[in-house]
Amino acid sequence: MFYRVCGMKKYMTVLFCAVFLVLAGSACRQHDYHTLVVKVPEMRNQACVRRIAVALWSSPALKKKGYHPKRKNEVVPVVYLLSESVSFDIAKREVTVTYDSLLTADKNIEFLIAKAGFKANDIPADPKAAAALPPECRR
């Protein structure tokens, strides 16, 4: 049987559909955190750790503590660079990174470290950045 939907029923049906679509769309975006261990043979001390931390800071996929620089070239305090997403093991020369895989891939994390001048797993270091490293971080 076919019948016409009156004004109020039509309004409620459209409202219900809109609410359903909004809730369904917001539930689809989940975080998918992965952990990556990057071997960095040149990481020997805190100066190297700071350089790697600064390089990783630019990744939007890492959880960062509540610090937002006001200028692009602002020096970020070390306390904020060492977030809960990144841990450094100087003895093993490893960087453990927890990242949102929906925002970046593991190779992008490795490329950030390589761009800072360090070899990251099988990604070679950027030659210009490696030449600019402090002497204690070079081979």
Protein backbone atom coordinates (compact mmCIF):
# COMPACT_ATOMS: atom_id res chain seq x y z
CA MET A 1 0.00 0.00 0.00
CA PHE A 2 1.29 3.41 -0.89
CA TYR A 3 0.58 6.42 1.31
CA ARG A 4 1.88 9.93 1.55
CA VAL A 5 4.13 10.85 4.45
CA CYS A 6 2.79 13.82 6.31
CA GLY A 7 5.01 16.79 7.19
CA MET A 8 6.03 15.73 10.72
CA LYS A 9 6.77 12.12 9.78
CA LYS A 10 8.81 13.30 6.79
CA TYR A 11 10.76 15.74 8.99
CA MET A 12 11.49 13.04 11.61
CA THR A 13 12.60 10.56 8.92
CA VAL A 14 15.02 13.05 7.38
CA LEU A 15 16.33 14.03 10.82
CA PHE A 16 16.84 10.38 11.82
CA CYS A 17 18.74 9.66 8.58
CA ALA A 18 20.98 12.71 9.04
CA VAL A 19 21.83 11.79 12.64
CA PHE A 20 22.52 8.20 11.61
CA LEU A 21 24.89 9.29 8.82
CA VAL A 22 26.78 11.67 11.12
CA LEU A 23 27.22 9.02 13.82
CA ALA A 24 28.16 6.31 11.33
CA GLY A 25 30.73 8.58 9.67
CA SER A 26 32.40 9.59 12.92
CA ALA A 27 32.64 6.00 14.12
CA CYS A 28 34.62 4.96 11.03
CA ARG A 29 37.71 7.02 11.89
CA GLN A 30 39.66 4.97 14.38
CA HIS A 31 43.29 5.10 15.36
CA ASP A 32 45.47 2.21 14.29
CA TYR A 33 48.69 2.48 16.28
CA HIS A 34 51.68 0.39 15.23
CA THR A 35 55.09 0.10 16.84
CA LEU A 36 58.25 0.28 14.76
CA VAL A 37 61.79 -0.42 15.97
CA VAL A 38 64.37 1.46 13.92
CA LYS A 39 68.03 0.52 14.14
CA VAL A 40 70.20 3.65 14.07
CA PRO A 41 73.89 2.64 14.17
CA GLU A 42 75.16 6.23 14.46
CA MET A 43 73.07 7.06 17.56
CA ARG A 44 75.72 7.16 20.28
CA ASN A 45 74.69 9.89 22.76
CA GLN A 46 72.12 12.51 23.78
CA ALA A 47 73.14 14.89 20.99
CA CYS A 48 72.15 12.25 18.45
CA VAL A 49 68.93 11.53 20.35
CA ARG A 50 67.99 15.21 20.21
CA ARG A 51 68.58 15.38 16.46
CA ILE A 52 66.39 12.34 15.85
CA ALA A 53 63.69 13.64 18.21
CA VAL A 54 63.60 16.97 16.37
CA ALA A 55 63.26 15.11 13.05
CA LEU A 56 60.41 12.95 14.34
CA TRP A 57 58.60 15.95 15.82
CA SER A 58 57.37 16.98 12.36
CA SER A 59 55.37 13.77 11.88
CA PRO A 60 51.64 14.25 12.46
CA ALA A 61 51.25 10.53 13.19
CA LEU A 62 52.98 10.69 16.59
CA LYS A 63 51.28 11.52 19.85
CA LYS A 64 52.84 14.67 21.23
CA LYS A 65 52.61 16.27 24.61
CA GLY A 66 50.66 19.51 24.84
CA TYR A 67 53.15 21.84 23.13
CA HIS A 68 52.38 23.70 19.95
CA PRO A 69 55.13 25.96 18.54
CA LYS A 70 54.02 29.46 17.59
CA ARG A 71 56.60 29.84 14.83
CA LYS A 72 57.93 27.36 12.31
CA ASN A 73 61.57 27.65 13.42
CA GLU A 74 60.86 27.78 17.15
CA VAL A 75 63.15 25.61 19.28
CA VAL A 76 61.02 22.92 20.92
CA PRO A 77 61.99 22.07 24.53
CA VAL A 78 63.48 18.57 24.92
CA VAL A 79 60.79 17.63 27.43
CA TYR A 80 58.20 17.85 24.66
CA LEU A 81 60.34 16.16 22.02
CA LEU A 82 60.55 12.98 24.06
CA SER A 83 56.88 12.11 23.83
CA GLU A 84 55.14 8.92 24.81
CA SER A 85 55.34 7.79 21.18
CA VAL A 86 59.14 7.68 20.94
CA SER A 87 61.69 5.92 23.11
CA PHE A 88 65.44 5.73 22.62
CA ASP A 89 67.81 2.94 23.60
CA ILE A 90 71.35 4.26 23.12
CA ALA A 91 72.98 0.98 24.21
CA LYS A 92 71.15 -1.02 21.53
CA ARG A 93 71.12 1.97 19.14
CA GLU A 94 67.40 1.61 18.56
CA VAL A 95 64.51 4.03 18.34
CA THR A 96 61.06 2.64 19.12
CA VAL A 97 58.25 4.66 17.56
CA THR A 98 54.51 4.19 18.10
CA TYR A 99 52.61 5.88 15.28
CA ASP A 100 49.15 6.08 13.77
CA SER A 101 49.33 3.97 10.62
CA LEU A 102 46.30 5.74 9.15
CA LEU A 103 48.36 8.96 9.03
CA THR A 104 51.76 7.65 7.94
CA ALA A 105 53.67 4.51 6.98
CA ASP A 106 56.67 2.94 8.67
CA LYS A 107 58.94 3.92 5.77
CA ASN A 108 58.03 7.58 6.31
CA ILE A 109 59.30 7.35 9.90
CA GLU A 110 62.54 5.80 8.63
CA PHE A 111 62.89 8.54 5.98
CA LEU A 112 62.49 11.25 8.65
CA ILE A 113 65.41 9.76 10.58
CA ALA A 114 67.48 9.36 7.40
CA LYS A 115 66.75 12.98 6.46
CA ALA A 116 68.21 13.99 9.84
CA GLY A 117 71.53 12.39 8.80
CA PHE A 118 71.30 8.91 10.32
CA LYS A 119 70.99 5.52 8.69
CA ALA A 120 67.58 4.06 9.61
CA ASN A 121 67.24 0.30 9.12
CA ASP A 122 67.96 -0.12 5.39
CA ILE A 123 67.44 3.55 4.45
CA PRO A 124 70.79 5.35 3.92
CA ALA A 125 71.40 8.70 5.59
CA ASP A 126 71.03 11.95 3.68
CA PRO A 127 74.66 12.85 2.79
CA LYS A 128 74.25 16.60 3.40
CA ALA A 129 72.56 16.08 6.77
CA ALA A 130 75.15 13.45 7.75
CA ALA A 131 77.97 15.90 7.00
CA ALA A 132 76.29 18.50 9.26
CA LEU A 133 76.04 16.14 12.25
CA PRO A 134 78.13 16.88 15.34
CA PRO A 135 81.44 14.93 15.42
CA GLU A 136 80.20 12.62 18.20
CA CYS A 137 77.38 11.36 15.95
CA ARG A 138 79.54 10.56 12.95
CA ARG A 139 81.18 7.20 12.33
